[in-house]
Amino acid sequence: MSELQGKNKLLEQYQKQIRTGMDQAADMLSNFLEAGSDFYILPLNDSESAQNDLQNESLAGICLKVEGAVDGSILLLFAEEDARRLAGLLMRQATPENLESDQMRSTLQEVGNIFASGVLSSLDDRLNLRAMPSPPSFLLGTSQQIQDSCRENSPHRETLMVESKLNCSAGHDLLFEGSVFFQISTSSLKQFNS
């Protein structure tokens, strides 16, 4: 097997394990919703990018630095309107008019905590790779501004990213959608050997 084939195989294993963790995280988040509403992950193929859909919108982001056997960061991105819907849904109240209150931001930061815990506990369970997330940062701005701020939390020069959609539905109705980015240092990839 060539070095390139070996790297590609390693990347596929990495993506598979991360996506399994994302599915587990979406299931964990669904437990906080009313019956009939669920979060689910939609993986993106190589030609798609969650970033393209949100380029010029005003967004809300939740960023967590990841440290331990796996180094990197996790970023959840939502259009502001979808972030408000998410906060209202979790708090079981009408959609708030803005994200200015500490309660709204705290609710969204807890979404980041739960999501990161689901992904990282899956990596620990499946690959015995223990990593811990930092307290989440709440960010507002364009996609590029938020990603740049989040990238500052992960100073590794060489990184790879797994992107997915994080959607929420009630029955056949899409309530809102977001994007998830798991950026990991390439040095961490060497541990993905199962």
C-alpha atoms as a PDB file:
ATOM      1  CA  MET A   1       0.000   0.000   0.000  1.00  0.00           C
ATOM      2  CA  SER A   2       1.410   3.401  -0.979  1.00  0.00           C
ATOM      3  CA  GLU A   3       1.820   6.228   1.518  1.00  0.00           C
ATOM      4  CA  LEU A   4      -1.019   8.146  -0.179  1.00  0.00           C
ATOM      5  CA  GLN A   5      -3.346   5.126   0.036  1.00  0.00           C
ATOM      6  CA  GLY A   6      -2.408   4.735   3.696  1.00  0.00           C
ATOM      7  CA  LYS A   7      -3.230   8.396   4.396  1.00  0.00           C
ATOM      8  CA  ASN A   8      -6.545   8.124   2.542  1.00  0.00           C
ATOM      9  CA  LYS A   9      -7.475   5.009   4.494  1.00  0.00           C
ATOM     10  CA  LEU A  10      -6.578   6.746   7.744  1.00  0.00           C
ATOM     11  CA  LEU A  11      -8.692   9.754   6.770  1.00  0.00           C
ATOM     12  CA  GLU A  12     -11.675   7.514   5.955  1.00  0.00           C
ATOM     13  CA  GLN A  13     -11.363   5.809   9.340  1.00  0.00           C
ATOM     14  CA  TYR A  14     -11.148   9.187  11.030  1.00  0.00           C
ATOM     15  CA  GLN A  15     -14.232  10.503   9.232  1.00  0.00           C
ATOM     16  CA  LYS A  16     -16.208   7.350  10.012  1.00  0.00           C
ATOM     17  CA  GLN A  17     -15.397   7.508  13.724  1.00  0.00           C
ATOM     18  CA  ILE A  18     -16.138  11.240  13.939  1.00  0.00           C
ATOM     19  CA  ARG A  19     -19.463  10.814  12.102  1.00  0.00           C
ATOM     20  CA  THR A  20     -20.419   7.992  14.464  1.00  0.00           C
ATOM     21  CA  GLY A  21     -19.677  10.371  17.329  1.00  0.00           C
ATOM     22  CA  MET A  22     -21.736  13.118  15.689  1.00  0.00           C
ATOM     23  CA  ASP A  23     -24.689  10.718  15.343  1.00  0.00           C
ATOM     24  CA  GLN A  24     -24.378   9.877  19.032  1.00  0.00           C
ATOM     25  CA  ALA A  25     -24.229  13.591  19.900  1.00  0.00           C
ATOM     26  CA  ALA A  26     -27.363  14.309  17.823  1.00  0.00           C
ATOM     27  CA  ASP A  27     -29.181  11.514  19.690  1.00  0.00           C
ATOM     28  CA  MET A  28     -28.100  13.031  23.008  1.00  0.00           C
ATOM     29  CA  LEU A  29     -29.404  16.463  21.970  1.00  0.00           C
ATOM     30  CA  SER A  30     -32.701  14.933  20.835  1.00  0.00           C
ATOM     31  CA  ASN A  31     -33.353  13.810  24.415  1.00  0.00           C
ATOM     32  CA  PHE A  32     -33.791  17.467  25.363  1.00  0.00           C
ATOM     33  CA  LEU A  33     -36.543  18.090  22.804  1.00  0.00           C
ATOM     34  CA  GLU A  34     -40.254  17.486  23.054  1.00  0.00           C
ATOM     35  CA  ALA A  35     -41.448  14.097  21.792  1.00  0.00           C
ATOM     36  CA  GLY A  36     -41.591  13.960  18.005  1.00  0.00           C
ATOM     37  CA  SER A  37     -38.685  16.354  17.423  1.00  0.00           C
ATOM     38  CA  ASP A  38     -35.219  15.025  16.636  1.00  0.00           C
ATOM     39  CA  PHE A  39     -31.746  16.169  15.706  1.00  0.00           C
ATOM     40  CA  TYR A  40     -29.968  14.277  12.952  1.00  0.00           C
ATOM     41  CA  ILE A  41     -26.662  14.462  11.116  1.00  0.00           C
ATOM     42  CA  LEU A  42     -26.395  14.728   7.336  1.00  0.00           C
ATOM     43  CA  PRO A  43     -22.831  13.943   6.228  1.00  0.00           C
ATOM     44  CA  LEU A  44     -21.452  15.999   3.361  1.00  0.00           C
ATOM     45  CA  ASN A  45     -19.534  14.425   0.521  1.00  0.00           C
ATOM     46  CA  ASP A  46     -16.223  15.802  -0.708  1.00  0.00           C
ATOM     47  CA  SER A  47     -17.802  18.177  -3.224  1.00  0.00           C
ATOM     48  CA  GLU A  48     -20.148  19.779  -0.685  1.00  0.00           C
ATOM     49  CA  SER A  49     -19.306  22.268   2.013  1.00  0.00           C
ATOM     50  CA  ALA A  50     -21.460  23.469   4.873  1.00  0.00           C
ATOM     51  CA  GLN A  51     -19.535  26.747   4.698  1.00  0.00           C
ATOM     52  CA  ASN A  52     -20.896  27.670   1.269  1.00  0.00           C
ATOM     53  CA  ASP A  53     -24.513  27.766   2.428  1.00  0.00           C
ATOM     54  CA  LEU A  54     -23.834  30.322   5.151  1.00  0.00           C
ATOM     55  CA  GLN A  55     -21.186  32.591   3.612  1.00  0.00           C
ATOM     56  CA  ASN A  56     -22.849  36.001   3.881  1.00  0.00           C
ATOM     57  CA  GLU A  57     -25.436  35.524   6.612  1.00  0.00           C
ATOM     58  CA  SER A  58     -25.264  36.796  10.157  1.00  0.00           C
ATOM     59  CA  LEU A  59     -24.539  33.676  12.196  1.00  0.00           C
ATOM     60  CA  ALA A  60     -24.315  32.397  15.733  1.00  0.00           C
ATOM     61  CA  GLY A  61     -21.516  29.988  16.564  1.00  0.00           C
ATOM     62  CA  ILE A  62     -20.529  27.839  19.503  1.00  0.00           C
ATOM     63  CA  CYS A  63     -16.828  26.934  19.557  1.00  0.00           C
ATOM     64  CA  LEU A  64     -15.018  24.494  21.848  1.00  0.00           C
ATOM     65  CA  LYS A  65     -11.329  23.741  21.894  1.00  0.00           C
ATOM     66  CA  VAL A  66     -10.506  20.030  22.205  1.00  0.00           C
ATOM     67  CA  GLU A  67      -7.400  18.838  24.028  1.00  0.00           C
ATOM     68  CA  GLY A  68      -5.995  15.458  24.977  1.00  0.00           C
ATOM     69  CA  ALA A  69      -5.368  12.435  22.789  1.00  0.00           C
ATOM     70  CA  VAL A  70      -7.270  14.371  20.120  1.00  0.00           C
ATOM     71  CA  ASP A  71      -6.409  18.048  19.571  1.00  0.00           C
ATOM     72  CA  GLY A  72      -8.557  20.458  17.604  1.00  0.00           C
ATOM     73  CA  SER A  73     -11.862  22.265  17.855  1.00  0.00           C
ATOM     74  CA  ILE A  74     -15.579  21.760  17.380  1.00  0.00           C
ATOM     75  CA  LEU A  75     -17.721  24.528  15.892  1.00  0.00           C
ATOM     76  CA  LEU A  76     -21.501  24.579  15.581  1.00  0.00           C
ATOM     77  CA  LEU A  77     -22.881  27.268  13.243  1.00  0.00           C
ATOM     78  CA  PHE A  78     -26.468  28.430  12.863  1.00  0.00           C
ATOM     79  CA  ALA A  79     -28.140  31.280  11.038  1.00  0.00           C
ATOM     80  CA  GLU A  80     -29.234  33.689  13.790  1.00  0.00           C
ATOM     81  CA  GLU A  81     -32.902  32.919  13.157  1.00  0.00           C
ATOM     82  CA  ASP A  82     -32.242  29.182  13.473  1.00  0.00           C
ATOM     83  CA  ALA A  83     -30.202  29.748  16.648  1.00  0.00           C
ATOM     84  CA  ARG A  84     -33.163  31.646  18.125  1.00  0.00           C
ATOM     85  CA  ARG A  85     -35.521  28.824  17.125  1.00  0.00           C
ATOM     86  CA  LEU A  86     -33.193  26.287  18.737  1.00  0.00           C
ATOM     87  CA  ALA A  87     -32.999  28.259  21.988  1.00  0.00           C
ATOM     88  CA  GLY A  88     -36.793  28.656  22.103  1.00  0.00           C
ATOM     89  CA  LEU A  89     -37.333  24.972  21.389  1.00  0.00           C
ATOM     90  CA  LEU A  90     -34.966  23.858  24.142  1.00  0.00           C
ATOM     91  CA  MET A  91     -36.420  26.331  26.627  1.00  0.00           C
ATOM     92  CA  ARG A  92     -39.947  25.344  25.557  1.00  0.00           C
ATOM     93  CA  GLN A  93     -41.009  28.885  24.829  1.00  0.00           C
ATOM     94  CA  ALA A  94     -41.745  31.087  21.830  1.00  0.00           C
ATOM     95  CA  THR A  95     -38.817  31.898  19.570  1.00  0.00           C
ATOM     96  CA  PRO A  96     -36.948  34.794  21.207  1.00  0.00           C
ATOM     97  CA  GLU A  97     -36.529  38.035  19.274  1.00  0.00           C
ATOM     98  CA  ASN A  98     -32.753  38.118  19.697  1.00  0.00           C
ATOM     99  CA  LEU A  99     -29.796  36.323  21.237  1.00  0.00           C
ATOM    100  CA  GLU A 100     -28.791  39.148  23.556  1.00  0.00           C
ATOM    101  CA  SER A 101     -29.867  37.615  26.863  1.00  0.00           C
ATOM    102  CA  ASP A 102     -27.475  35.550  28.949  1.00  0.00           C
ATOM    103  CA  GLN A 103     -30.129  32.819  29.155  1.00  0.00           C
ATOM    104  CA  MET A 104     -30.257  32.459  25.356  1.00  0.00           C
ATOM    105  CA  ARG A 105     -26.494  32.329  25.022  1.00  0.00           C
ATOM    106  CA  SER A 106     -26.149  29.937  27.942  1.00  0.00           C
ATOM    107  CA  THR A 107     -28.713  27.598  26.359  1.00  0.00           C
ATOM    108  CA  LEU A 108     -26.807  27.566  23.068  1.00  0.00           C
ATOM    109  CA  GLN A 109     -23.484  27.064  24.820  1.00  0.00           C
ATOM    110  CA  GLU A 110     -24.996  24.040  26.549  1.00  0.00           C
ATOM    111  CA  VAL A 111     -25.872  22.656  23.091  1.00  0.00           C
ATOM    112  CA  GLY A 112     -22.152  22.897  22.315  1.00  0.00           C
ATOM    113  CA  ASN A 113     -21.268  21.127  25.576  1.00  0.00           C
ATOM    114  CA  ILE A 114     -23.690  18.273  24.916  1.00  0.00           C
ATOM    115  CA  PHE A 115     -22.611  17.887  21.291  1.00  0.00           C
ATOM    116  CA  ALA A 116     -18.901  17.883  22.117  1.00  0.00           C
ATOM    117  CA  SER A 117     -19.466  15.404  24.951  1.00  0.00           C
ATOM    118  CA  GLY A 118     -21.283  13.039  22.602  1.00  0.00           C
ATOM    119  CA  VAL A 119     -18.566  13.135  19.945  1.00  0.00           C
ATOM    120  CA  LEU A 120     -15.656  12.860  22.368  1.00  0.00           C
ATOM    121  CA  SER A 121     -17.210  10.106  24.493  1.00  0.00           C
ATOM    122  CA  SER A 122     -17.751   8.109  21.293  1.00  0.00           C
ATOM    123  CA  LEU A 123     -14.050   8.466  20.428  1.00  0.00           C
ATOM    124  CA  ASP A 124     -13.134   7.403  23.961  1.00  0.00           C
ATOM    125  CA  ASP A 125     -15.499   4.388  23.886  1.00  0.00           C
ATOM    126  CA  ARG A 126     -14.523   3.206  20.393  1.00  0.00           C
ATOM    127  CA  LEU A 127     -10.840   4.110  20.160  1.00  0.00           C
ATOM    128  CA  ASN A 128      -9.808   4.756  23.761  1.00  0.00           C
ATOM    129  CA  LEU A 129      -8.863   8.323  22.800  1.00  0.00           C
ATOM    130  CA  ARG A 130      -9.637  10.588  25.729  1.00  0.00           C
ATOM    131  CA  ALA A 131     -10.065  14.286  25.027  1.00  0.00           C
ATOM    132  CA  MET A 132     -11.801  17.093  26.861  1.00  0.00           C
ATOM    133  CA  PRO A 133     -13.585  20.163  25.494  1.00  0.00           C
ATOM    134  CA  SER A 134     -12.964  23.665  26.792  1.00  0.00           C
ATOM    135  CA  PRO A 135     -15.901  25.759  28.013  1.00  0.00           C
ATOM    136  CA  PRO A 136     -17.792  26.868  24.903  1.00  0.00           C
ATOM    137  CA  SER A 137     -17.449  30.341  23.423  1.00  0.00           C
ATOM    138  CA  PHE A 138     -20.521  32.037  21.952  1.00  0.00           C
ATOM    139  CA  LEU A 139     -19.735  33.980  18.763  1.00  0.00           C
ATOM    140  CA  LEU A 140     -21.736  36.227  16.440  1.00  0.00           C
ATOM    141  CA  GLY A 141     -20.647  37.353  12.969  1.00  0.00           C
ATOM    142  CA  THR A 142     -20.151  36.090   9.452  1.00  0.00           C
ATOM    143  CA  SER A 143     -19.064  32.535   8.763  1.00  0.00           C
ATOM    144  CA  GLN A 144     -15.497  33.656   8.107  1.00  0.00           C
ATOM    145  CA  GLN A 145     -15.301  35.798  11.273  1.00  0.00           C
ATOM    146  CA  ILE A 146     -16.588  32.996  13.469  1.00  0.00           C
ATOM    147  CA  GLN A 147     -14.340  30.370  11.891  1.00  0.00           C
ATOM    148  CA  ASP A 148     -11.302  32.630  12.257  1.00  0.00           C
ATOM    149  CA  SER A 149     -12.106  33.192  15.948  1.00  0.00           C
ATOM    150  CA  CYS A 150     -12.591  29.473  16.508  1.00  0.00           C
ATOM    151  CA  ARG A 151      -9.384  28.642  14.626  1.00  0.00           C
ATOM    152  CA  GLU A 152      -7.469  30.812  17.098  1.00  0.00           C
ATOM    153  CA  ASN A 153      -8.431  28.227  19.734  1.00  0.00           C
ATOM    154  CA  SER A 154      -6.733  25.511  17.706  1.00  0.00           C
ATOM    155  CA  PRO A 155      -3.221  26.717  16.879  1.00  0.00           C
ATOM    156  CA  HIS A 156      -2.157  23.599  14.921  1.00  0.00           C
ATOM    157  CA  ARG A 157      -0.925  24.441  11.459  1.00  0.00           C
ATOM    158  CA  GLU A 158      -1.845  21.167   9.807  1.00  0.00           C
ATOM    159  CA  THR A 159      -5.447  20.199  10.344  1.00  0.00           C
ATOM    160  CA  LEU A 160      -8.184  18.241   8.664  1.00  0.00           C
ATOM    161  CA  MET A 161     -11.882  18.911   8.971  1.00  0.00           C
ATOM    162  CA  VAL A 162     -15.053  16.842   9.010  1.00  0.00           C
ATOM    163  CA  GLU A 163     -18.136  18.885   8.106  1.00  0.00           C
ATOM    164  CA  SER A 164     -21.759  17.840   8.522  1.00  0.00           C
ATOM    165  CA  LYS A 165     -25.202  19.338   8.667  1.00  0.00           C
ATOM    166  CA  LEU A 166     -26.965  19.273  12.047  1.00  0.00           C
ATOM    167  CA  ASN A 167     -30.680  19.485  11.338  1.00  0.00           C
ATOM    168  CA  CYS A 168     -33.734  19.318  13.543  1.00  0.00           C
ATOM    169  CA  SER A 169     -37.147  18.110  12.425  1.00  0.00           C
ATOM    170  CA  ALA A 170     -40.580  17.426  13.819  1.00  0.00           C
ATOM    171  CA  GLY A 171     -42.121  14.634  11.795  1.00  0.00           C
ATOM    172  CA  HIS A 172     -41.589  15.578   8.144  1.00  0.00           C
ATOM    173  CA  ASP A 173     -41.081  19.287   8.862  1.00  0.00           C
ATOM    174  CA  LEU A 174     -37.574  20.749   9.013  1.00  0.00           C
ATOM    175  CA  LEU A 175     -37.504  23.075  12.017  1.00  0.00           C
ATOM    176  CA  PHE A 176     -34.023  24.452  11.465  1.00  0.00           C
ATOM    177  CA  GLU A 177     -30.583  23.489  10.244  1.00  0.00           C
ATOM    178  CA  GLY A 178     -27.038  24.171  11.256  1.00  0.00           C
ATOM    179  CA  SER A 179     -23.524  23.087  10.429  1.00  0.00           C
ATOM    180  CA  VAL A 180     -20.887  21.274  12.439  1.00  0.00           C
ATOM    181  CA  PHE A 181     -17.144  21.452  11.866  1.00  0.00           C
ATOM    182  CA  PHE A 182     -14.731  19.151  13.681  1.00  0.00           C
ATOM    183  CA  GLN A 183     -11.193  20.349  13.016  1.00  0.00           C
ATOM    184  CA  ILE A 184      -8.459  17.991  14.166  1.00  0.00           C
ATOM    185  CA  SER A 185      -4.690  18.242  14.085  1.00  0.00           C
ATOM    186  CA  THR A 186      -3.061  15.859  11.629  1.00  0.00           C
ATOM    187  CA  SER A 187      -0.836  14.592  14.449  1.00  0.00           C
ATOM    188  CA  SER A 188      -3.992  13.309  16.184  1.00  0.00           C
ATOM    189  CA  LEU A 189      -4.884  11.295  13.095  1.00  0.00           C
ATOM    190  CA  LYS A 190      -2.007   8.918  13.687  1.00  0.00           C
ATOM    191  CA  GLN A 191      -3.975   7.482  16.590  1.00  0.00           C
ATOM    192  CA  PHE A 192      -6.926   6.479  14.395  1.00  0.00           C
ATOM    193  CA  ASN A 193      -5.696   2.997  13.678  1.00  0.00           C
ATOM    194  CA  SER A 194      -8.758   0.792  14.135  1.00  0.00           C
END
